[in-house]
Amino acid sequence: MFCVIYRSSKRDQTYLYVEKKDDFSRVPEALMAGFGKPIMTMLLPLNGNKKLANANIETVREALETQGYYLQIPPPVEDLLKQHREEQGEN
């Protein structure tokens, strides 16, 4: 199984995985509107022991089979000031 990975033109560090190149037919219109113009990043085989940087390969495979796409979003930004205040017992 192969997948094609696209980078979002609107959202930093956001990627969309689909089964076939330029086939977004199973991706909801609202998601595509927020994603912006897809920029092809790479073609990736999903077999074997491949590792992905920020996604679990089994989760990606399952999402592609069941819904036709996988959306990878960046982790939430840490609020270091809030974390520091909590550690100091401040509000």
PDB file of N, CA and C in Angstrom:
ATOM      1  N   MET A   1       0.834  -1.182   0.000  1.00  0.00           N
ATOM      2  CA  MET A   1       0.000   0.000   0.000  1.00  0.00           C
ATOM      3  C   MET A   1       0.884   1.252   0.000  1.00  0.00           C
ATOM      4  N   PHE A   2       0.535   2.181  -0.861  1.00  0.00           N
ATOM      5  CA  PHE A   2       1.228   3.467  -0.932  1.00  0.00           C
ATOM      6  C   PHE A   2       0.261   4.561  -0.498  1.00  0.00           C
ATOM      7  N   CYS A   3       0.822   5.673  -0.097  1.00  0.00           N
ATOM      8  CA  CYS A   3       0.000   6.858   0.145  1.00  0.00           C
ATOM      9  C   CYS A   3       0.757   8.071  -0.366  1.00  0.00           C
ATOM     10  N   VAL A   4       0.015   9.118  -0.599  1.00  0.00           N
ATOM     11  CA  VAL A   4       0.594  10.372  -1.060  1.00  0.00           C
ATOM     12  C   VAL A   4       0.375  11.390   0.055  1.00  0.00           C
ATOM     13  N   ILE A   5       1.429  12.123   0.391  1.00  0.00           N
ATOM     14  CA  ILE A   5       1.356  13.086   1.486  1.00  0.00           C
ATOM     15  C   ILE A   5       1.416  14.498   0.912  1.00  0.00           C
ATOM     16  N   TYR A   6       0.464  15.315   1.352  1.00  0.00           N
ATOM     17  CA  TYR A   6       0.382  16.705   0.919  1.00  0.00           C
ATOM     18  C   TYR A   6       0.546  17.619   2.122  1.00  0.00           C
ATOM     19  N   ARG A   7       1.228  18.721   1.912  1.00  0.00           N
ATOM     20  CA  ARG A   7       1.414  19.752   2.931  1.00  0.00           C
ATOM     21  C   ARG A   7       0.358  20.836   2.708  1.00  0.00           C
ATOM     22  N   SER A   8      -0.145  21.386   3.796  1.00  0.00           N
ATOM     23  CA  SER A   8      -1.150  22.442   3.712  1.00  0.00           C
ATOM     24  C   SER A   8      -0.515  23.766   3.323  1.00  0.00           C
ATOM     25  N   SER A   9      -1.199  24.504   2.470  1.00  0.00           N
ATOM     26  CA  SER A   9      -0.729  25.845   2.112  1.00  0.00           C
ATOM     27  C   SER A   9      -1.234  26.886   3.107  1.00  0.00           C
ATOM     28  N   LYS A  10      -2.165  26.498   3.986  1.00  0.00           N
ATOM     29  CA  LYS A  10      -2.729  27.439   4.948  1.00  0.00           C
ATOM     30  C   LYS A  10      -2.259  27.206   6.379  1.00  0.00           C
ATOM     31  N   ARG A  11      -1.942  25.971   6.717  1.00  0.00           N
ATOM     32  CA  ARG A  11      -1.626  25.633   8.108  1.00  0.00           C
ATOM     33  C   ARG A  11      -0.252  24.990   8.205  1.00  0.00           C
ATOM     34  N   ASP A  12       0.605  25.603   8.999  1.00  0.00           N
ATOM     35  CA  ASP A  12       1.968  25.127   9.189  1.00  0.00           C
ATOM     36  C   ASP A  12       1.969  23.742   9.841  1.00  0.00           C
ATOM     37  N   GLN A  13       2.830  22.882   9.391  1.00  0.00           N
ATOM     38  CA  GLN A  13       3.033  21.533   9.921  1.00  0.00           C
ATOM     39  C   GLN A  13       1.774  20.671   9.876  1.00  0.00           C
ATOM     40  N   THR A  14       0.918  20.892   8.903  1.00  0.00           N
ATOM     41  CA  THR A  14      -0.302  20.110   8.740  1.00  0.00           C
ATOM     42  C   THR A  14      -0.203  19.351   7.420  1.00  0.00           C
ATOM     43  N   TYR A  15      -0.450  18.033   7.498  1.00  0.00           N
ATOM     44  CA  TYR A  15      -0.278  17.162   6.339  1.00  0.00           C
ATOM     45  C   TYR A  15      -1.516  16.303   6.134  1.00  0.00           C
ATOM     46  N   LEU A  16      -1.828  16.031   4.877  1.00  0.00           N
ATOM     47  CA  LEU A  16      -2.954  15.199   4.504  1.00  0.00           C
ATOM     48  C   LEU A  16      -2.426  14.002   3.722  1.00  0.00           C
ATOM     49  N   TYR A  17      -2.768  12.810   4.180  1.00  0.00           N
ATOM     50  CA  TYR A  17      -2.369  11.567   3.534  1.00  0.00           C
ATOM     51  C   TYR A  17      -3.576  11.027   2.779  1.00  0.00           C
ATOM     52  N   VAL A  18      -3.403  10.688   1.507  1.00  0.00           N
ATOM     53  CA  VAL A  18      -4.470  10.077   0.709  1.00  0.00           C
ATOM     54  C   VAL A  18      -3.911   8.868  -0.030  1.00  0.00           C
ATOM     55  N   GLU A  19      -4.799   8.026  -0.530  1.00  0.00           N
ATOM     56  CA  GLU A  19      -4.385   6.784  -1.185  1.00  0.00           C
ATOM     57  C   GLU A  19      -3.839   6.989  -2.595  1.00  0.00           C
ATOM     58  N   LYS A  20      -4.415   7.935  -3.336  1.00  0.00           N
ATOM     59  CA  LYS A  20      -4.023   8.132  -4.724  1.00  0.00           C
ATOM     60  C   LYS A  20      -3.688   9.596  -4.973  1.00  0.00           C
ATOM     61  N   LYS A  21      -2.724   9.816  -5.844  1.00  0.00           N
ATOM     62  CA  LYS A  21      -2.287  11.174  -6.162  1.00  0.00           C
ATOM     63  C   LYS A  21      -3.452  12.011  -6.681  1.00  0.00           C
ATOM     64  N   ASP A  22      -3.605  13.183  -6.085  1.00  0.00           N
ATOM     65  CA  ASP A  22      -4.610  14.173  -6.474  1.00  0.00           C
ATOM     66  C   ASP A  22      -6.054  13.672  -6.376  1.00  0.00           C
ATOM     67  N   ASP A  23      -6.299  12.616  -5.582  1.00  0.00           N
ATOM     68  CA  ASP A  23      -7.657  12.114  -5.381  1.00  0.00           C
ATOM     69  C   ASP A  23      -8.117  12.503  -3.981  1.00  0.00           C
ATOM     70  N   PHE A  24      -8.885  13.580  -3.907  1.00  0.00           N
ATOM     71  CA  PHE A  24      -9.393  14.077  -2.634  1.00  0.00           C
ATOM     72  C   PHE A  24     -10.896  13.835  -2.517  1.00  0.00           C
ATOM     73  N   SER A  25     -11.410  12.878  -3.288  1.00  0.00           N
ATOM     74  CA  SER A  25     -12.847  12.619  -3.344  1.00  0.00           C
ATOM     75  C   SER A  25     -13.424  12.142  -2.017  1.00  0.00           C
ATOM     76  N   ARG A  26     -12.624  11.517  -1.159  1.00  0.00           N
ATOM     77  CA  ARG A  26     -13.124  11.018   0.130  1.00  0.00           C
ATOM     78  C   ARG A  26     -12.820  11.984   1.282  1.00  0.00           C
ATOM     79  N   VAL A  27     -12.195  13.105   0.966  1.00  0.00           N
ATOM     80  CA  VAL A  27     -11.865  14.103   1.985  1.00  0.00           C
ATOM     81  C   VAL A  27     -13.021  15.100   2.069  1.00  0.00           C
ATOM     82  N   PRO A  28     -13.546  15.357   3.282  1.00  0.00           N
ATOM     83  CA  PRO A  28     -14.662  16.307   3.411  1.00  0.00           C
ATOM     84  C   PRO A  28     -14.309  17.692   2.852  1.00  0.00           C
ATOM     85  N   GLU A  29     -15.308  18.331   2.228  1.00  0.00           N
ATOM     86  CA  GLU A  29     -15.096  19.650   1.624  1.00  0.00           C
ATOM     87  C   GLU A  29     -14.648  20.687   2.650  1.00  0.00           C
ATOM     88  N   ALA A  30     -15.216  20.625   3.849  1.00  0.00           N
ATOM     89  CA  ALA A  30     -14.853  21.591   4.902  1.00  0.00           C
ATOM     90  C   ALA A  30     -13.384  21.441   5.283  1.00  0.00           C
ATOM     91  N   LEU A  31     -12.899  20.210   5.336  1.00  0.00           N
ATOM     92  CA  LEU A  31     -11.485  19.987   5.657  1.00  0.00           C
ATOM     93  C   LEU A  31     -10.604  20.562   4.554  1.00  0.00           C
ATOM     94  N   MET A  32     -10.984  20.329   3.299  1.00  0.00           N
ATOM     95  CA  MET A  32     -10.197  20.837   2.174  1.00  0.00           C
ATOM     96  C   MET A  32     -10.194  22.364   2.153  1.00  0.00           C
ATOM     97  N   ALA A  33     -11.303  22.978   2.522  1.00  0.00           N
ATOM     98  CA  ALA A  33     -11.369  24.440   2.539  1.00  0.00           C
ATOM     99  C   ALA A  33     -10.406  25.006   3.581  1.00  0.00           C
ATOM    100  N   GLY A  34     -10.335  24.377   4.742  1.00  0.00           N
ATOM    101  CA  GLY A  34      -9.424  24.833   5.784  1.00  0.00           C
ATOM    102  C   GLY A  34      -7.983  24.465   5.530  1.00  0.00           C
ATOM    103  N   PHE A  35      -7.782  23.422   4.747  1.00  0.00           N
ATOM    104  CA  PHE A  35      -6.435  22.927   4.449  1.00  0.00           C
ATOM    105  C   PHE A  35      -5.729  23.816   3.432  1.00  0.00           C
ATOM    106  N   GLY A  36      -6.500  24.367   2.518  1.00  0.00           N
ATOM    107  CA  GLY A  36      -5.916  25.183   1.462  1.00  0.00           C
ATOM    108  C   GLY A  36      -5.461  24.328   0.294  1.00  0.00           C
ATOM    109  N   LYS A  37      -4.666  24.916  -0.572  1.00  0.00           N
ATOM    110  CA  LYS A  37      -4.175  24.186  -1.741  1.00  0.00           C
ATOM    111  C   LYS A  37      -3.159  23.130  -1.290  1.00  0.00           C
ATOM    112  N   PRO A  38      -3.435  21.848  -1.587  1.00  0.00           N
ATOM    113  CA  PRO A  38      -2.502  20.794  -1.201  1.00  0.00           C
ATOM    114  C   PRO A  38      -1.211  20.865  -2.016  1.00  0.00           C
ATOM    115  N   ILE A  39      -0.091  20.772  -1.344  1.00  0.00           N
ATOM    116  CA  ILE A  39       1.218  20.784  -1.986  1.00  0.00           C
ATOM    117  C   ILE A  39       1.830  19.401  -1.795  1.00  0.00           C
ATOM    118  N   MET A  40       1.991  18.666  -2.898  1.00  0.00           N
ATOM    119  CA  MET A  40       2.505  17.304  -2.791  1.00  0.00           C
ATOM    120  C   MET A  40       3.906  17.309  -2.178  1.00  0.00           C
ATOM    121  N   THR A  41       4.075  16.473  -1.159  1.00  0.00           N
ATOM    122  CA  THR A  41       5.333  16.407  -0.437  1.00  0.00           C
ATOM    123  C   THR A  41       6.091  15.126  -0.738  1.00  0.00           C
ATOM    124  N   MET A  42       5.385  13.984  -0.681  1.00  0.00           N
ATOM    125  CA  MET A  42       6.062  12.718  -0.973  1.00  0.00           C
ATOM    126  C   MET A  42       5.085  11.588  -1.217  1.00  0.00           C
ATOM    127  N   LEU A  43       5.602  10.556  -1.853  1.00  0.00           N
ATOM    128  CA  LEU A  43       4.904   9.296  -2.059  1.00  0.00           C
ATOM    129  C   LEU A  43       5.567   8.311  -1.111  1.00  0.00           C
ATOM    130  N   LEU A  44       4.767   7.610  -0.314  1.00  0.00           N
ATOM    131  CA  LEU A  44       5.335   6.780   0.742  1.00  0.00           C
ATOM    132  C   LEU A  44       4.713   5.392   0.750  1.00  0.00           C
ATOM    133  N   PRO A  45       5.545   4.339   0.707  1.00  0.00           N
ATOM    134  CA  PRO A  45       4.999   2.984   0.877  1.00  0.00           C
ATOM    135  C   PRO A  45       4.669   2.762   2.350  1.00  0.00           C
ATOM    136  N   LEU A  46       3.513   2.157   2.621  1.00  0.00           N
ATOM    137  CA  LEU A  46       3.100   1.916   4.002  1.00  0.00           C
ATOM    138  C   LEU A  46       3.257   0.453   4.403  1.00  0.00           C
ATOM    139  N   ASN A  47       4.146  -0.242   3.743  1.00  0.00           N
ATOM    140  CA  ASN A  47       4.377  -1.641   4.109  1.00  0.00           C
ATOM    141  C   ASN A  47       5.722  -1.774   4.814  1.00  0.00           C
ATOM    142  N   GLY A  48       5.938  -2.910   5.423  1.00  0.00           N
ATOM    143  CA  GLY A  48       7.205  -3.123   6.106  1.00  0.00           C
ATOM    144  C   GLY A  48       7.254  -2.402   7.435  1.00  0.00           C
ATOM    145  N   ASN A  49       8.448  -2.104   7.859  1.00  0.00           N
ATOM    146  CA  ASN A  49       8.659  -1.479   9.172  1.00  0.00           C
ATOM    147  C   ASN A  49       8.995   0.000   9.067  1.00  0.00           C
ATOM    148  N   LYS A  50       8.349   0.689   8.173  1.00  0.00           N
ATOM    149  CA  LYS A  50       8.579   2.124   8.025  1.00  0.00           C
ATOM    150  C   LYS A  50       8.144   2.848   9.285  1.00  0.00           C
ATOM    151  N   LYS A  51       8.836   3.930   9.593  1.00  0.00           N
ATOM    152  CA  LYS A  51       8.448   4.776  10.714  1.00  0.00           C
ATOM    153  C   LYS A  51       8.182   6.172  10.174  1.00  0.00           C
ATOM    154  N   LEU A  52       7.141   6.779  10.704  1.00  0.00           N
ATOM    155  CA  LEU A  52       6.800   8.138  10.335  1.00  0.00           C
ATOM    156  C   LEU A  52       7.179   9.061  11.488  1.00  0.00           C
ATOM    157  N   ALA A  53       7.528  10.282  11.160  1.00  0.00           N
ATOM    158  CA  ALA A  53       8.016  11.225  12.172  1.00  0.00           C
ATOM    159  C   ALA A  53       6.969  11.541  13.239  1.00  0.00           C
ATOM    160  N   ASN A  54       5.764  11.877  12.832  1.00  0.00           N
ATOM    161  CA  ASN A  54       4.763  12.327  13.801  1.00  0.00           C
ATOM    162  C   ASN A  54       3.434  11.592  13.701  1.00  0.00           C
ATOM    163  N   ALA A  55       3.466  10.382  13.157  1.00  0.00           N
ATOM    164  CA  ALA A  55       2.227   9.617  13.030  1.00  0.00           C
ATOM    165  C   ALA A  55       2.541   8.136  13.173  1.00  0.00           C
ATOM    166  N   ASN A  56       1.566   7.407  13.672  1.00  0.00           N
ATOM    167  CA  ASN A  56       1.689   5.961  13.794  1.00  0.00           C
ATOM    168  C   ASN A  56       1.264   5.336  12.471  1.00  0.00           C
ATOM    169  N   ILE A  57       2.117   4.524  11.890  1.00  0.00           N
ATOM    170  CA  ILE A  57       1.857   3.978  10.550  1.00  0.00           C
ATOM    171  C   ILE A  57       0.596   3.114  10.521  1.00  0.00           C
ATOM    172  N   GLU A  58       0.315   2.386  11.596  1.00  0.00           N
ATOM    173  CA  GLU A  58      -0.899   1.567  11.642  1.00  0.00           C
ATOM    174  C   GLU A  58      -2.146   2.446  11.672  1.00  0.00           C
ATOM    175  N   THR A  59      -2.067   3.546  12.388  1.00  0.00           N
ATOM    176  CA  THR A  59      -3.183   4.487  12.445  1.00  0.00           C
ATOM    177  C   THR A  59      -3.434   5.101  11.067  1.00  0.00           C
ATOM    178  N   VAL A  60      -2.355   5.433  10.380  1.00  0.00           N
ATOM    179  CA  VAL A  60      -2.469   5.995   9.026  1.00  0.00           C
ATOM    180  C   VAL A  60      -3.108   4.973   8.092  1.00  0.00           C
ATOM    181  N   ARG A  61      -2.611   3.738   8.113  1.00  0.00           N
ATOM    182  CA  ARG A  61      -3.171   2.679   7.253  1.00  0.00           C
ATOM    183  C   ARG A  61      -4.657   2.483   7.515  1.00  0.00           C
ATOM    184  N   GLU A  62      -5.020   2.402   8.784  1.00  0.00           N
ATOM    185  CA  GLU A  62      -6.419   2.181   9.147  1.00  0.00           C
ATOM    186  C   GLU A  62      -7.301   3.341   8.688  1.00  0.00           C
ATOM    187  N   ALA A  63      -6.833   4.566   8.886  1.00  0.00           N
ATOM    188  CA  ALA A  63      -7.606   5.739   8.461  1.00  0.00           C
ATOM    189  C   ALA A  63      -7.778   5.762   6.943  1.00  0.00           C
ATOM    190  N   LEU A  64      -6.732   5.425   6.206  1.00  0.00           N
ATOM    191  CA  LEU A  64      -6.833   5.403   4.748  1.00  0.00           C
ATOM    192  C   LEU A  64      -7.845   4.364   4.285  1.00  0.00           C
ATOM    193  N   GLU A  65      -7.847   3.203   4.927  1.00  0.00           N
ATOM    194  CA  GLU A  65      -8.779   2.143   4.530  1.00  0.00           C
ATOM    195  C   GLU A  65     -10.219   2.468   4.893  1.00  0.00           C
ATOM    196  N   THR A  66     -10.431   3.057   6.074  1.00  0.00           N
ATOM    197  CA  THR A  66     -11.808   3.293   6.531  1.00  0.00           C
ATOM    198  C   THR A  66     -12.399   4.599   6.043  1.00  0.00           C
ATOM    199  N   GLN A  67     -11.614   5.698   6.074  1.00  0.00           N
ATOM    200  CA  GLN A  67     -12.200   6.979   5.683  1.00  0.00           C
ATOM    201  C   GLN A  67     -11.585   7.581   4.430  1.00  0.00           C
ATOM    202  N   GLY A  68     -10.482   7.024   3.955  1.00  0.00           N
ATOM    203  CA  GLY A  68      -9.891   7.490   2.703  1.00  0.00           C
ATOM    204  C   GLY A  68      -8.849   8.578   2.840  1.00  0.00           C
ATOM    205  N   TYR A  69      -8.580   9.026   4.067  1.00  0.00           N
ATOM    206  CA  TYR A  69      -7.565  10.050   4.287  1.00  0.00           C
ATOM    207  C   TYR A  69      -7.104   9.997   5.740  1.00  0.00           C
ATOM    208  N   TYR A  70      -5.965  10.630   5.994  1.00  0.00           N
ATOM    209  CA  TYR A  70      -5.457  10.799   7.364  1.00  0.00           C
ATOM    210  C   TYR A  70      -4.945  12.228   7.463  1.00  0.00           C
ATOM    211  N   LEU A  71      -5.352  12.943   8.483  1.00  0.00           N
ATOM    212  CA  LEU A  71      -4.920  14.317   8.690  1.00  0.00           C
ATOM    213  C   LEU A  71      -3.937  14.348   9.847  1.00  0.00           C
ATOM    214  N   GLN A  72      -2.735  14.850   9.580  1.00  0.00           N
ATOM    215  CA  GLN A  72      -1.709  14.996  10.612  1.00  0.00           C
ATOM    216  C   GLN A  72      -1.595  16.465  10.969  1.00  0.00           C
ATOM    217  N   ILE A  73      -1.897  16.775  12.230  1.00  0.00           N
ATOM    218  CA  ILE A  73      -1.801  18.159  12.689  1.00  0.00           C
ATOM    219  C   ILE A  73      -0.645  18.282  13.680  1.00  0.00           C
ATOM    220  N   PRO A  74      -0.100  19.475  13.820  1.00  0.00           N
ATOM    221  CA  PRO A  74       1.033  19.644  14.731  1.00  0.00           C
ATOM    222  C   PRO A  74       0.589  19.500  16.181  1.00  0.00           C
ATOM    223  N   PRO A  75       1.516  19.115  17.052  1.00  0.00           N
ATOM    224  CA  PRO A  75       1.166  19.054  18.471  1.00  0.00           C
ATOM    225  C   PRO A  75       0.857  20.448  18.989  1.00  0.00           C
ATOM    226  N   PRO A  76       0.070  20.533  20.065  1.00  0.00           N
ATOM    227  CA  PRO A  76      -0.253  21.851  20.598  1.00  0.00           C
ATOM    228  C   PRO A  76       1.004  22.583  21.073  1.00  0.00           C
ATOM    229  N   VAL A  77       0.972  23.895  20.948  1.00  0.00           N
ATOM    230  CA  VAL A  77       2.097  24.723  21.371  1.00  0.00           C
ATOM    231  C   VAL A  77       2.099  24.776  22.899  1.00  0.00           C
ATOM    232  N   GLU A  78       3.270  24.564  23.474  1.00  0.00           N
ATOM    233  CA  GLU A  78       3.389  24.618  24.927  1.00  0.00           C
ATOM    234  C   GLU A  78       3.321  26.061  25.409  1.00  0.00           C
ATOM    235  N   ASP A  79       2.570  26.289  26.458  1.00  0.00           N
ATOM    236  CA  ASP A  79       2.531  27.598  27.090  1.00  0.00           C
ATOM    237  C   ASP A  79       3.497  27.545  28.268  1.00  0.00           C
ATOM    238  N   LEU A  80       4.746  27.898  28.024  1.00  0.00           N
ATOM    239  CA  LEU A  80       5.778  27.780  29.040  1.00  0.00           C
ATOM    240  C   LEU A  80       5.557  28.731  30.204  1.00  0.00           C
ATOM    241  N   LEU A  81       4.982  29.902  29.949  1.00  0.00           N
ATOM    242  CA  LEU A  81       4.702  30.845  31.025  1.00  0.00           C
ATOM    243  C   LEU A  81       3.646  30.260  31.969  1.00  0.00           C
ATOM    244  N   LYS A  82       2.599  29.694  31.404  1.00  0.00           N
ATOM    245  CA  LYS A  82       1.552  29.073  32.213  1.00  0.00           C
ATOM    246  C   LYS A  82       2.124  27.915  33.022  1.00  0.00           C
ATOM    247  N   GLN A  83       2.939  27.104  32.388  1.00  0.00           N
ATOM    248  CA  GLN A  83       3.560  25.966  33.068  1.00  0.00           C
ATOM    249  C   GLN A  83       4.433  26.453  34.228  1.00  0.00           C
ATOM    250  N   HIS A  84       5.209  27.488  34.004  1.00  0.00           N
ATOM    251  CA  HIS A  84       6.070  28.049  35.048  1.00  0.00           C
ATOM    252  C   HIS A  84       5.237  28.585  36.216  1.00  0.00           C
ATOM    253  N   ARG A  85       4.167  29.299  35.900  1.00  0.00           N
ATOM    254  CA  ARG A  85       3.312  29.849  36.948  1.00  0.00           C
ATOM    255  C   ARG A  85       2.681  28.750  37.790  1.00  0.00           C
ATOM    256  N   GLU A  86       2.246  27.674  37.118  1.00  0.00           N
ATOM    257  CA  GLU A  86       1.661  26.555  37.854  1.00  0.00           C
ATOM    258  C   GLU A  86       2.687  25.912  38.769  1.00  0.00           C
ATOM    259  N   GLU A  87       3.907  25.789  38.304  1.00  0.00           N
ATOM    260  CA  GLU A  87       4.956  25.206  39.119  1.00  0.00           C
ATOM    261  C   GLU A  87       5.280  26.091  40.321  1.00  0.00           C
ATOM    262  N   GLN A  88       5.131  27.407  40.146  1.00  0.00           N
ATOM    263  CA  GLN A  88       5.417  28.350  41.217  1.00  0.00           C
ATOM    264  C   GLN A  88       4.217  28.579  42.127  1.00  0.00           C
ATOM    265  N   GLY A  89       3.079  27.981  41.788  1.00  0.00           N
ATOM    266  CA  GLY A  89       1.878  28.142  42.595  1.00  0.00           C
ATOM    267  C   GLY A  89       1.172  29.451  42.357  1.00  0.00           C
ATOM    268  N   GLU A  90       1.456  30.090  41.249  1.00  0.00           N
ATOM    269  CA  GLU A  90       0.818  31.359  40.905  1.00  0.00           C
ATOM    270  C   GLU A  90      -0.439  31.094  40.095  1.00  0.00           C
ATOM    271  N   ASN A  91      -1.294  32.099  40.011  1.00  0.00           N
ATOM    272  CA  ASN A  91      -2.511  31.986  39.200  1.00  0.00           C
ATOM    273  C   ASN A  91      -2.283  32.468  37.815  1.00  0.00           C
TER     274      ASN A  91
END
